[in-house]
Amino acid sequence: MADPLLQVQGLTCGYGDSVVLTDVGFTLAAGRSLALLGRNGTGKTTLIDTLVGVTRRHAGTVRLAGREIQALPVYERAGAGLGWVPQERNIFKSLTVEENLSAVARPGAWDATRVFELFPRLAERKKNLGTQLSGGEQQMLAFGRALVLNPKLLLLDEPLEGLAPIIVEELLRAIRRVAREEGLSSIVVEQHPHMVLGVTDDAIVLDRGGIAYRNTSEALLAEPGLLDPWLGVSAH
């Protein structure tokens, strides 16, 4: 049996001396997608940030495609195959949409042409500066920038937060296509399970500093009440 694409073991992490997550462990196979669920403050973003390398890791290992990456700086983790769409989006606001994509692109299946096909709104605005984009368009651009890195693993931190319903639908279609149809391994952070369970394969719930529950997304869609102990009414 092949090694998992992502292997997290005994991960204890936080900010400064503050520990947020303790002894977290899970694996993700190549081509699988994972919904990372939990109430506010349970450590979802902390886990993503630790995979990327912008928090303090107190203990544990993180392997990507068999390579230990927990001691690497952020830029080397990107080179190792992590694509990250942070909550803050972090696009280059003084560059055009086209320039944002070309500035970070690496060789591979995803290029600006395919991003514009995935997000026609961006194609219409490819000469616009980042400052001239709506919040939803900036989110699409951040997604596109992660894709043109041609990562092995895509990390999406609350990509739907605060966006208009029509934009949410466009982004969900894009996540479904990239993760489900094209098989790009992905982890999607989301507070509202009903948003992401339809576009992911598996789900993990964080609570009280660790992993409280895990199951397939299909099982949780069929019986959302399984999530009630940790998420309550937001699971429905």
Protein backbone atom coordinates (compact mmCIF):
# COMPACT_ATOMS: atom_id res chain seq x y z
CA MET A 1 0.00 0.00 0.00
CA ALA A 2 1.37 3.42 -0.98
CA ASP A 3 2.32 5.95 1.67
CA PRO A 4 -0.26 8.71 2.23
CA LEU A 5 0.35 12.04 0.53
CA LEU A 6 0.05 13.89 3.85
CA GLN A 7 0.98 12.30 7.16
CA VAL A 8 0.63 14.31 10.39
CA GLN A 9 1.85 12.67 13.61
CA GLY A 10 1.84 13.92 17.20
CA LEU A 11 1.44 17.54 16.15
CA THR A 12 1.32 20.03 19.03
CA CYS A 13 1.23 23.65 17.94
CA GLY A 14 0.06 27.18 18.66
CA TYR A 15 1.23 30.78 18.79
CA GLY A 16 4.22 31.70 20.93
CA ASP A 17 3.94 29.78 24.21
CA SER A 18 0.20 29.27 23.76
CA VAL A 19 -0.70 25.72 22.71
CA VAL A 20 -3.87 25.43 20.62
CA LEU A 21 -3.72 21.83 19.35
CA THR A 22 -2.18 18.81 21.11
CA ASP A 23 -1.04 15.48 19.67
CA VAL A 24 -2.98 15.78 16.40
CA GLY A 25 -2.53 12.97 13.90
CA PHE A 26 -4.20 12.11 10.59
CA THR A 27 -3.38 11.07 7.04
CA LEU A 28 -4.67 12.09 3.62
CA ALA A 29 -4.28 9.89 0.57
CA ALA A 30 -3.37 11.27 -2.82
CA GLY A 31 -6.47 12.35 -4.72
CA ARG A 32 -8.62 12.65 -1.58
CA SER A 33 -10.21 15.79 -0.17
CA LEU A 34 -10.86 16.57 3.49
CA ALA A 35 -13.32 18.93 5.17
CA LEU A 36 -11.83 20.39 8.36
CA LEU A 37 -14.76 21.30 10.60
CA GLY A 38 -15.26 22.81 14.04
CA ARG A 39 -16.72 25.76 15.89
CA ASN A 40 -14.90 29.08 16.00
CA GLY A 41 -11.71 28.90 18.04
CA THR A 42 -11.21 25.14 17.84
CA GLY A 43 -7.93 25.40 15.93
CA LYS A 44 -8.89 24.88 12.28
CA THR A 45 -6.84 27.82 11.02
CA THR A 46 -4.05 26.98 13.47
CA LEU A 47 -3.75 23.52 11.92
CA ILE A 48 -3.62 24.91 8.38
CA ASP A 49 -1.14 27.61 9.43
CA THR A 50 1.05 24.97 11.05
CA LEU A 51 1.09 22.86 7.89
CA VAL A 52 2.18 25.98 6.01
CA GLY A 53 4.74 26.97 8.64
CA VAL A 54 3.51 30.25 10.13
CA THR A 55 2.82 29.07 13.70
CA ARG A 56 4.97 27.61 16.44
CA ARG A 57 5.27 23.83 16.33
CA HIS A 58 6.04 22.40 19.76
CA ALA A 59 6.17 18.73 18.73
CA GLY A 60 5.28 16.34 15.94
CA THR A 61 6.04 15.65 12.30
CA VAL A 62 4.46 16.62 9.01
CA ARG A 63 5.30 14.56 5.92
CA LEU A 64 4.28 15.55 2.42
CA ALA A 65 4.82 12.91 -0.26
CA GLY A 66 7.14 11.12 2.15
CA ARG A 67 9.30 14.16 2.91
CA GLU A 68 9.40 15.72 6.36
CA ILE A 69 8.55 19.42 5.96
CA GLN A 70 7.87 20.60 9.53
CA ALA A 71 11.28 22.33 9.81
CA LEU A 72 11.17 23.99 6.38
CA PRO A 73 10.50 27.72 5.94
CA VAL A 74 7.23 28.74 4.29
CA TYR A 75 8.65 29.25 0.79
CA GLU A 76 10.30 25.83 0.79
CA ARG A 77 7.02 24.19 1.79
CA ALA A 78 5.41 25.84 -1.23
CA GLY A 79 8.24 24.41 -3.33
CA ALA A 80 7.65 20.99 -1.77
CA GLY A 81 4.04 21.06 -3.00
CA LEU A 82 1.79 23.02 -0.64
CA GLY A 83 -0.66 25.45 -2.19
CA TRP A 84 -2.30 27.78 0.36
CA VAL A 85 -5.32 30.06 0.13
CA PRO A 86 -5.30 31.95 3.46
CA GLN A 87 -8.29 33.77 4.92
CA GLU A 88 -6.53 37.08 4.19
CA ARG A 89 -6.12 36.06 0.50
CA ASN A 90 -2.73 37.81 0.28
CA ILE A 91 -2.94 38.71 -3.39
CA PHE A 92 -0.60 41.36 -4.83
CA LYS A 93 -3.00 44.28 -4.91
CA SER A 94 -0.68 46.52 -6.95
CA LEU A 95 -0.45 43.91 -9.75
CA THR A 96 -3.03 42.96 -12.38
CA VAL A 97 -4.88 39.67 -12.24
CA GLU A 98 -2.61 38.32 -15.00
CA GLU A 99 0.52 39.49 -13.20
CA ASN A 100 -0.64 37.92 -9.93
CA LEU A 101 -0.85 34.57 -11.67
CA SER A 102 2.38 34.81 -13.66
CA ALA A 103 4.39 36.01 -10.65
CA VAL A 104 4.04 32.72 -8.79
CA ALA A 105 3.41 30.17 -11.56
CA ARG A 106 5.33 26.90 -11.66
CA PRO A 107 5.32 24.40 -14.54
CA GLY A 108 2.44 21.93 -14.54
CA ALA A 109 -1.14 21.28 -15.56
CA TRP A 110 -2.51 24.55 -14.15
CA ASP A 111 -1.72 27.84 -15.86
CA ALA A 112 -3.44 31.21 -16.23
CA THR A 113 -5.50 29.99 -19.20
CA ARG A 114 -7.00 27.17 -17.17
CA VAL A 115 -7.63 29.48 -14.19
CA PHE A 116 -9.52 31.87 -16.49
CA GLU A 117 -11.57 28.95 -17.78
CA LEU A 118 -12.34 27.90 -14.20
CA PHE A 119 -13.21 31.49 -13.20
CA PRO A 120 -14.60 33.42 -16.19
CA ARG A 121 -15.03 36.50 -13.95
CA LEU A 122 -11.25 36.69 -13.65
CA ALA A 123 -10.82 36.40 -17.42
CA GLU A 124 -13.02 39.47 -17.82
CA ARG A 125 -10.87 41.35 -15.32
CA LYS A 126 -7.41 40.05 -16.17
CA LYS A 127 -6.04 43.56 -16.76
CA ASN A 128 -7.53 44.90 -13.52
CA LEU A 129 -5.38 45.56 -10.48
CA GLY A 130 -6.00 43.59 -7.32
CA THR A 131 -7.39 46.75 -5.70
CA GLN A 132 -10.09 46.89 -8.38
CA LEU A 133 -11.52 43.46 -7.58
CA SER A 134 -14.46 42.64 -5.33
CA GLY A 135 -13.93 40.43 -2.31
CA GLY A 136 -15.25 37.43 -4.19
CA GLU A 137 -13.00 38.10 -7.18
CA GLN A 138 -10.01 38.44 -4.86
CA GLN A 139 -10.90 35.05 -3.38
CA MET A 140 -11.03 33.52 -6.86
CA LEU A 141 -7.65 35.08 -7.65
CA ALA A 142 -6.15 33.70 -4.43
CA PHE A 143 -7.51 30.27 -5.41
CA GLY A 144 -6.07 30.64 -8.91
CA ARG A 145 -2.68 31.69 -7.56
CA ALA A 146 -2.53 28.54 -5.45
CA LEU A 147 -3.45 26.41 -8.47
CA VAL A 148 -0.73 27.81 -10.77
CA LEU A 149 1.82 26.72 -8.16
CA ASN A 150 0.73 23.24 -9.33
CA PRO A 151 0.74 21.93 -5.77
CA LYS A 152 0.48 18.36 -4.56
CA LEU A 153 -1.87 19.51 -1.77
CA LEU A 154 -4.24 22.50 -1.78
CA LEU A 155 -5.16 24.17 1.55
CA LEU A 156 -8.26 26.39 1.55
CA ASP A 157 -8.91 28.31 4.78
CA GLU A 158 -12.60 29.33 4.96
CA PRO A 159 -12.74 30.22 1.25
CA LEU A 160 -16.49 30.95 1.38
CA GLU A 161 -16.50 33.28 4.40
CA GLY A 162 -18.47 36.52 3.96
CA LEU A 163 -19.15 36.10 0.25
CA ALA A 164 -22.38 36.58 -1.68
CA PRO A 165 -24.36 33.37 -2.39
CA ILE A 166 -23.70 33.52 -6.15
CA ILE A 167 -19.93 33.72 -5.51
CA VAL A 168 -20.14 30.89 -2.97
CA GLU A 169 -21.78 28.70 -5.62
CA GLU A 170 -19.04 29.51 -8.15
CA LEU A 171 -16.32 28.69 -5.63
CA LEU A 172 -18.01 25.44 -4.58
CA ARG A 173 -18.22 24.38 -8.22
CA ALA A 174 -14.52 25.16 -8.61
CA ILE A 175 -13.57 23.21 -5.47
CA ARG A 176 -15.67 20.25 -6.61
CA ARG A 177 -14.02 20.27 -10.01
CA VAL A 178 -10.47 20.60 -8.71
CA ALA A 179 -10.82 18.17 -5.79
CA ARG A 180 -13.35 15.64 -7.02
CA GLU A 181 -13.08 15.63 -10.81
CA GLU A 182 -9.37 16.37 -11.19
CA GLY A 183 -8.24 14.62 -8.02
CA LEU A 184 -6.09 17.38 -6.52
CA SER A 185 -5.69 16.51 -2.84
CA SER A 186 -7.31 19.26 -0.79
CA ILE A 187 -8.12 20.33 2.76
CA VAL A 188 -11.02 22.78 3.08
CA VAL A 189 -11.66 24.62 6.36
CA GLU A 190 -15.30 25.52 6.90
CA GLN A 191 -17.58 26.27 9.85
CA HIS A 192 -20.73 25.18 8.04
CA PRO A 193 -20.60 21.48 7.09
CA HIS A 194 -23.46 21.61 4.60
CA MET A 195 -21.32 23.90 2.44
CA VAL A 196 -18.39 21.53 1.95
CA LEU A 197 -19.48 17.96 2.62
CA GLY A 198 -20.83 17.77 -0.93
CA VAL A 199 -17.45 18.60 -2.45
CA THR A 200 -15.13 16.58 -0.17
CA ASP A 201 -14.46 12.89 0.50
CA ASP A 202 -13.79 12.85 4.23
CA ALA A 203 -14.27 15.07 7.28
CA ILE A 204 -12.49 15.76 10.57
CA VAL A 205 -13.97 17.74 13.47
CA LEU A 206 -11.66 19.66 15.80
CA ASP A 207 -12.72 20.29 19.39
CA ARG A 208 -10.95 20.83 22.74
CA GLY A 209 -7.49 20.99 21.21
CA GLY A 210 -7.60 17.86 19.10
CA ILE A 211 -9.50 15.69 16.64
CA ALA A 212 -12.88 14.86 18.15
CA TYR A 213 -14.48 12.96 15.27
CA ARG A 214 -13.86 11.73 11.75
CA ASN A 215 -16.03 10.12 9.08
CA THR A 216 -16.70 10.15 5.35
CA SER A 217 -18.43 13.22 3.97
CA GLU A 218 -21.03 10.94 2.38
CA ALA A 219 -21.99 9.46 5.75
CA LEU A 220 -22.31 12.90 7.32
CA LEU A 221 -24.45 14.20 4.46
CA ALA A 222 -26.75 11.23 4.93
CA GLU A 223 -26.97 11.72 8.70
CA PRO A 224 -25.96 15.27 9.66
CA GLY A 225 -27.07 14.70 13.25
CA LEU A 226 -23.83 12.78 13.78
CA LEU A 227 -22.11 16.17 14.02
CA ASP A 228 -24.47 17.63 16.61
CA PRO A 229 -22.28 16.96 19.67
CA TRP A 230 -19.60 19.28 18.25
CA LEU A 231 -21.36 21.62 15.86
CA GLY A 232 -25.02 21.67 16.90
CA VAL A 233 -27.50 23.27 14.55
CA SER A 234 -24.78 24.44 12.14
CA ALA A 235 -24.45 20.86 10.92
CA HIS A 236 -27.86 20.94 9.22
